[in-house]
Amino acid sequence: MNIRYFALITVATAAWIGHAQKIAFEPKSFSFGEMYAVAPVTRDVTVTNIGDAELKITKMQGSCGCTTARISEKTLQPAETATMTVKFNPVGRIGKKSQRIFVTSNDVRNGRQSITFDATVKPVIEAQPSVIEFKMNDERDGYLSTEVHFDILNVGDKPFTINRASCNGGKVTVEFDEPKDIAPGDKLTVATVVKPTFIPEKPYTNPIYISGTYEEHKIYSKVTVKIDPSPSSNAP
Protein backbone atom coordinates (compact mmCIF):
# COMPACT_ATOMS: atom_id res chain seq x y z
CA MET A 1 0.00 0.00 0.00
CA ASN A 2 1.56 3.33 -1.08
CA ILE A 3 1.45 6.46 1.06
CA ARG A 4 -1.06 8.22 -1.19
CA TYR A 5 -3.53 5.34 -1.08
CA PHE A 6 -3.17 5.06 2.71
CA ALA A 7 -3.83 8.78 3.07
CA LEU A 8 -6.99 8.50 0.98
CA ILE A 9 -8.23 5.63 3.13
CA THR A 10 -7.51 7.61 6.31
CA VAL A 11 -9.37 10.66 5.04
CA ALA A 12 -12.34 8.56 3.93
CA THR A 13 -12.52 6.78 7.28
CA ALA A 14 -12.37 10.06 9.18
CA ALA A 15 -15.12 11.49 7.01
CA TRP A 16 -17.28 8.41 7.58
CA ILE A 17 -16.79 8.57 11.35
CA GLY A 18 -17.53 12.29 11.30
CA HIS A 19 -20.92 11.61 9.72
CA ALA A 20 -22.09 8.62 11.72
CA GLN A 21 -24.32 7.71 14.63
CA LYS A 22 -23.24 8.79 18.11
CA ILE A 23 -24.86 8.17 21.48
CA ALA A 24 -25.07 10.63 24.37
CA PHE A 25 -26.58 10.34 27.87
CA GLU A 26 -27.96 12.97 30.20
CA PRO A 27 -27.04 12.47 32.95
CA LYS A 28 -24.20 9.98 32.45
CA SER A 29 -23.72 9.64 36.20
CA PHE A 30 -25.98 10.42 39.17
CA SER A 31 -26.72 9.58 42.78
CA PHE A 32 -29.86 8.12 44.33
CA GLY A 33 -28.73 9.53 47.67
CA GLU A 34 -29.84 7.88 50.91
CA MET A 35 -32.61 5.28 50.96
CA TYR A 36 -33.98 2.46 53.06
CA ALA A 37 -33.57 -1.15 51.92
CA VAL A 38 -37.26 -1.75 51.30
CA ALA A 39 -38.19 -1.14 47.64
CA PRO A 40 -36.69 -0.48 44.18
CA VAL A 41 -36.06 3.09 43.00
CA THR A 42 -35.85 4.46 39.45
CA ARG A 43 -34.25 7.35 37.60
CA ASP A 44 -34.79 8.45 34.00
CA VAL A 45 -31.85 9.12 31.69
CA THR A 46 -32.25 10.88 28.34
CA VAL A 47 -30.52 9.09 25.45
CA THR A 48 -29.83 11.17 22.33
CA ASN A 49 -28.42 10.37 18.90
CA ILE A 50 -26.09 13.33 18.34
CA GLY A 51 -24.69 11.84 15.13
CA ASP A 52 -25.75 11.97 11.48
CA ALA A 53 -26.91 8.39 10.96
CA GLU A 54 -29.33 5.90 12.50
CA LEU A 55 -28.40 4.78 16.03
CA LYS A 56 -29.33 1.30 17.24
CA ILE A 57 -29.14 0.25 20.89
CA THR A 58 -28.72 -3.50 21.05
CA LYS A 59 -28.11 -4.30 24.71
CA MET A 60 -28.41 -2.85 28.23
CA GLN A 61 -26.95 -4.77 31.16
CA GLY A 62 -26.54 -3.95 34.84
CA SER A 63 -23.33 -4.58 36.74
CA CYS A 64 -25.31 -6.81 39.13
CA GLY A 65 -28.75 -8.39 39.39
CA CYS A 66 -29.94 -5.45 41.50
CA THR A 67 -29.63 -3.05 38.54
CA THR A 68 -31.71 -3.12 35.35
CA ALA A 69 -32.73 -0.71 32.60
CA ARG A 70 -35.42 -0.35 29.96
CA ILE A 71 -35.66 2.16 27.13
CA SER A 72 -38.60 3.71 25.30
CA GLU A 73 -37.03 3.34 21.84
CA LYS A 74 -34.02 1.32 20.68
CA THR A 75 -33.63 2.91 17.23
CA LEU A 76 -32.99 6.65 17.02
CA GLN A 77 -32.63 8.87 13.99
CA PRO A 78 -30.28 11.87 14.17
CA ALA A 79 -31.34 14.31 16.94
CA GLU A 80 -33.99 11.92 18.27
CA THR A 81 -34.16 11.06 21.97
CA ALA A 82 -35.41 8.19 24.10
CA THR A 83 -35.95 7.72 27.80
CA MET A 84 -33.95 5.04 29.60
CA THR A 85 -35.32 4.11 33.03
CA VAL A 86 -32.64 2.83 35.40
CA LYS A 87 -33.93 0.66 38.25
CA PHE A 88 -32.02 -0.22 41.42
CA ASN A 89 -33.24 -2.70 44.04
CA PRO A 90 -31.57 -1.93 47.41
CA VAL A 91 -33.07 -4.86 49.35
CA GLY A 92 -30.25 -6.77 51.06
CA ARG A 93 -27.56 -4.28 49.96
CA ILE A 94 -26.75 -2.21 53.02
CA GLY A 95 -24.06 0.48 52.80
CA LYS A 96 -22.52 2.67 50.10
CA LYS A 97 -23.14 1.12 46.68
CA SER A 98 -21.89 1.99 43.18
CA GLN A 99 -23.38 0.36 40.08
CA ARG A 100 -23.33 0.66 36.28
CA ILE A 101 -25.58 0.12 33.30
CA PHE A 102 -23.57 -0.99 30.26
CA VAL A 103 -25.10 0.14 26.97
CA THR A 104 -24.13 -1.49 23.67
CA SER A 105 -24.93 0.31 20.41
CA ASN A 106 -23.65 0.84 16.87
CA ASP A 107 -21.84 4.03 17.91
CA VAL A 108 -18.77 3.82 15.67
CA ARG A 109 -16.38 5.44 18.14
CA ASN A 110 -17.52 3.75 21.36
CA GLY A 111 -19.90 0.86 20.95
CA ARG A 112 -20.05 0.03 24.68
CA GLN A 113 -20.51 2.78 27.21
CA SER A 114 -21.78 2.92 30.79
CA ILE A 115 -24.03 4.98 33.01
CA THR A 116 -22.91 5.07 36.63
CA PHE A 117 -24.75 5.80 39.86
CA ASP A 118 -24.31 5.46 43.59
CA ALA A 119 -26.62 5.07 46.58
CA THR A 120 -26.36 4.86 50.34
CA VAL A 121 -28.64 2.08 51.58
CA LYS A 122 -29.82 2.00 55.20
CA PRO A 123 -31.64 -0.84 57.00
CA VAL A 124 -35.05 -0.45 58.60
CA ILE A 125 -34.79 -3.62 60.68
CA GLU A 126 -31.94 -5.06 62.74
CA ALA A 127 -31.69 -8.12 64.95
CA GLN A 128 -29.27 -7.89 67.88
CA PRO A 129 -27.31 -9.88 68.58
CA SER A 130 -27.18 -11.51 65.16
CA VAL A 131 -25.83 -14.71 66.77
CA ILE A 132 -27.17 -16.22 70.00
CA GLU A 133 -25.60 -19.17 71.80
CA PHE A 134 -26.90 -21.70 74.30
CA LYS A 135 -24.04 -22.47 76.72
CA MET A 136 -23.73 -26.02 77.99
CA ASN A 137 -22.69 -27.03 81.52
CA ASP A 138 -19.28 -28.48 82.32
CA GLU A 139 -20.60 -32.04 82.13
CA ARG A 140 -21.96 -31.34 78.61
CA ASP A 141 -25.27 -32.99 79.50
CA GLY A 142 -27.38 -29.85 79.94
CA TYR A 143 -27.53 -26.08 79.58
CA LEU A 144 -26.60 -23.22 81.86
CA SER A 145 -29.85 -21.66 80.64
CA THR A 146 -32.41 -23.03 78.20
CA GLU A 147 -33.63 -19.52 77.33
CA VAL A 148 -31.79 -16.82 75.41
CA HIS A 149 -33.13 -13.47 74.15
CA PHE A 150 -32.55 -11.23 71.15
CA ASP A 151 -33.97 -7.86 70.13
CA ILE A 152 -35.66 -6.77 66.91
CA LEU A 153 -35.00 -3.05 66.39
CA ASN A 154 -36.76 -0.52 64.20
CA VAL A 155 -33.92 1.64 62.86
CA GLY A 156 -36.08 3.21 60.16
CA ASP A 157 -38.32 6.27 60.12
CA LYS A 158 -41.75 4.61 60.13
CA PRO A 159 -43.50 1.89 62.16
CA PHE A 160 -43.41 -1.68 60.90
CA THR A 161 -45.05 -4.95 61.83
CA ILE A 162 -43.23 -8.19 62.61
CA ASN A 163 -45.37 -11.05 61.32
CA ARG A 164 -43.14 -14.05 61.91
CA ALA A 165 -40.11 -15.20 63.87
CA SER A 166 -39.43 -18.91 63.77
CA CYS A 167 -36.74 -21.59 63.78
CA ASN A 168 -37.05 -24.85 61.85
CA GLY A 169 -36.20 -28.29 63.15
CA GLY A 170 -38.03 -28.31 66.49
CA LYS A 171 -34.85 -28.21 68.59
CA VAL A 172 -35.15 -24.50 69.33
CA THR A 173 -38.46 -22.64 69.57
CA VAL A 174 -39.13 -18.92 69.29
CA GLU A 175 -41.75 -17.44 71.62
CA PHE A 176 -43.61 -15.42 69.02
CA ASP A 177 -47.31 -16.10 68.47
CA GLU A 178 -48.89 -13.02 66.85
CA PRO A 179 -47.92 -9.95 64.75
CA LYS A 180 -46.40 -7.09 66.70
CA ASP A 181 -45.86 -3.45 65.76
CA ILE A 182 -42.56 -1.68 66.45
CA ALA A 183 -42.30 2.11 66.33
CA PRO A 184 -39.18 3.89 65.05
CA GLY A 185 -36.45 3.73 67.68
CA ASP A 186 -38.20 0.97 69.63
CA LYS A 187 -37.38 -2.70 69.96
CA LEU A 188 -39.09 -6.02 70.59
CA THR A 189 -37.37 -8.54 72.85
CA VAL A 190 -37.92 -12.15 71.79
CA ALA A 191 -37.20 -15.28 73.81
CA THR A 192 -35.80 -18.47 72.29
CA VAL A 193 -35.89 -21.79 74.12
CA VAL A 194 -33.85 -24.94 73.47
CA LYS A 195 -35.21 -28.37 74.33
CA PRO A 196 -33.42 -29.53 77.51
CA THR A 197 -33.20 -33.06 76.09
CA PHE A 198 -31.47 -31.90 72.92
CA ILE A 199 -27.75 -32.57 73.45
CA PRO A 200 -25.87 -32.27 70.14
CA GLU A 201 -22.79 -34.37 69.53
CA LYS A 202 -21.24 -31.77 67.23
CA PRO A 203 -21.58 -27.99 66.80
CA TYR A 204 -25.15 -27.05 65.92
CA THR A 205 -26.31 -23.96 64.01
CA ASN A 206 -29.76 -23.02 62.81
CA PRO A 207 -31.26 -19.72 61.62
CA ILE A 208 -34.21 -17.87 63.11
CA TYR A 209 -36.07 -16.23 60.24
CA ILE A 210 -37.77 -12.90 60.89
CA SER A 211 -40.20 -11.30 58.47
CA GLY A 212 -42.47 -8.30 58.60
CA THR A 213 -44.14 -5.48 56.70
CA TYR A 214 -42.91 -1.90 56.27
CA GLU A 215 -45.79 -0.02 54.67
CA GLU A 216 -46.65 -2.37 51.77
CA HIS A 217 -43.12 -3.77 51.51
CA LYS A 218 -41.75 -7.03 52.92
CA ILE A 219 -38.77 -6.81 55.27
CA TYR A 220 -36.53 -9.59 56.56
CA SER A 221 -33.83 -10.29 59.10
CA LYS A 222 -32.12 -13.31 60.63
CA VAL A 223 -30.54 -14.52 63.86
CA THR A 224 -28.26 -17.55 63.99
CA VAL A 225 -28.57 -20.04 66.86
CA LYS A 226 -25.36 -21.79 67.96
CA ILE A 227 -24.69 -24.67 70.33
CA ASP A 228 -21.13 -25.93 70.81
CA PRO A 229 -20.84 -29.17 72.81
CA SER A 230 -17.03 -29.14 72.88
CA PRO A 231 -15.43 -28.74 76.35
CA SER A 232 -13.61 -25.55 75.32
CA SER A 233 -16.78 -23.67 74.34
CA ASN A 234 -17.37 -22.30 77.84
CA ALA A 235 -13.81 -21.14 78.33
CA PRO A 236 -13.47 -17.42 79.11
Foldseek 3Di string as FASTA:
>chain_A
DDPVVVVVVVVVVVVVLQADWDKDKVVLEEEPEEDEQWFKDKDKIKIATQHRAKKFWDDKDKPDPQKDKDKPDGIDHHGDIIIIMIMGRRHPPAAKDKMWIWIAMVNVVDRIDIRIYIYHYDYQKDKPPQEDEFDPDLVLLFTPDQKDKIKIAGQDQAKKKKADKAWPDPQKGKPDDGIDIAGHPGIDMIMMGGDGRDRDPAKDKTKIKIWIQDPNTIHIDIHMYIYGSDNCPPPD
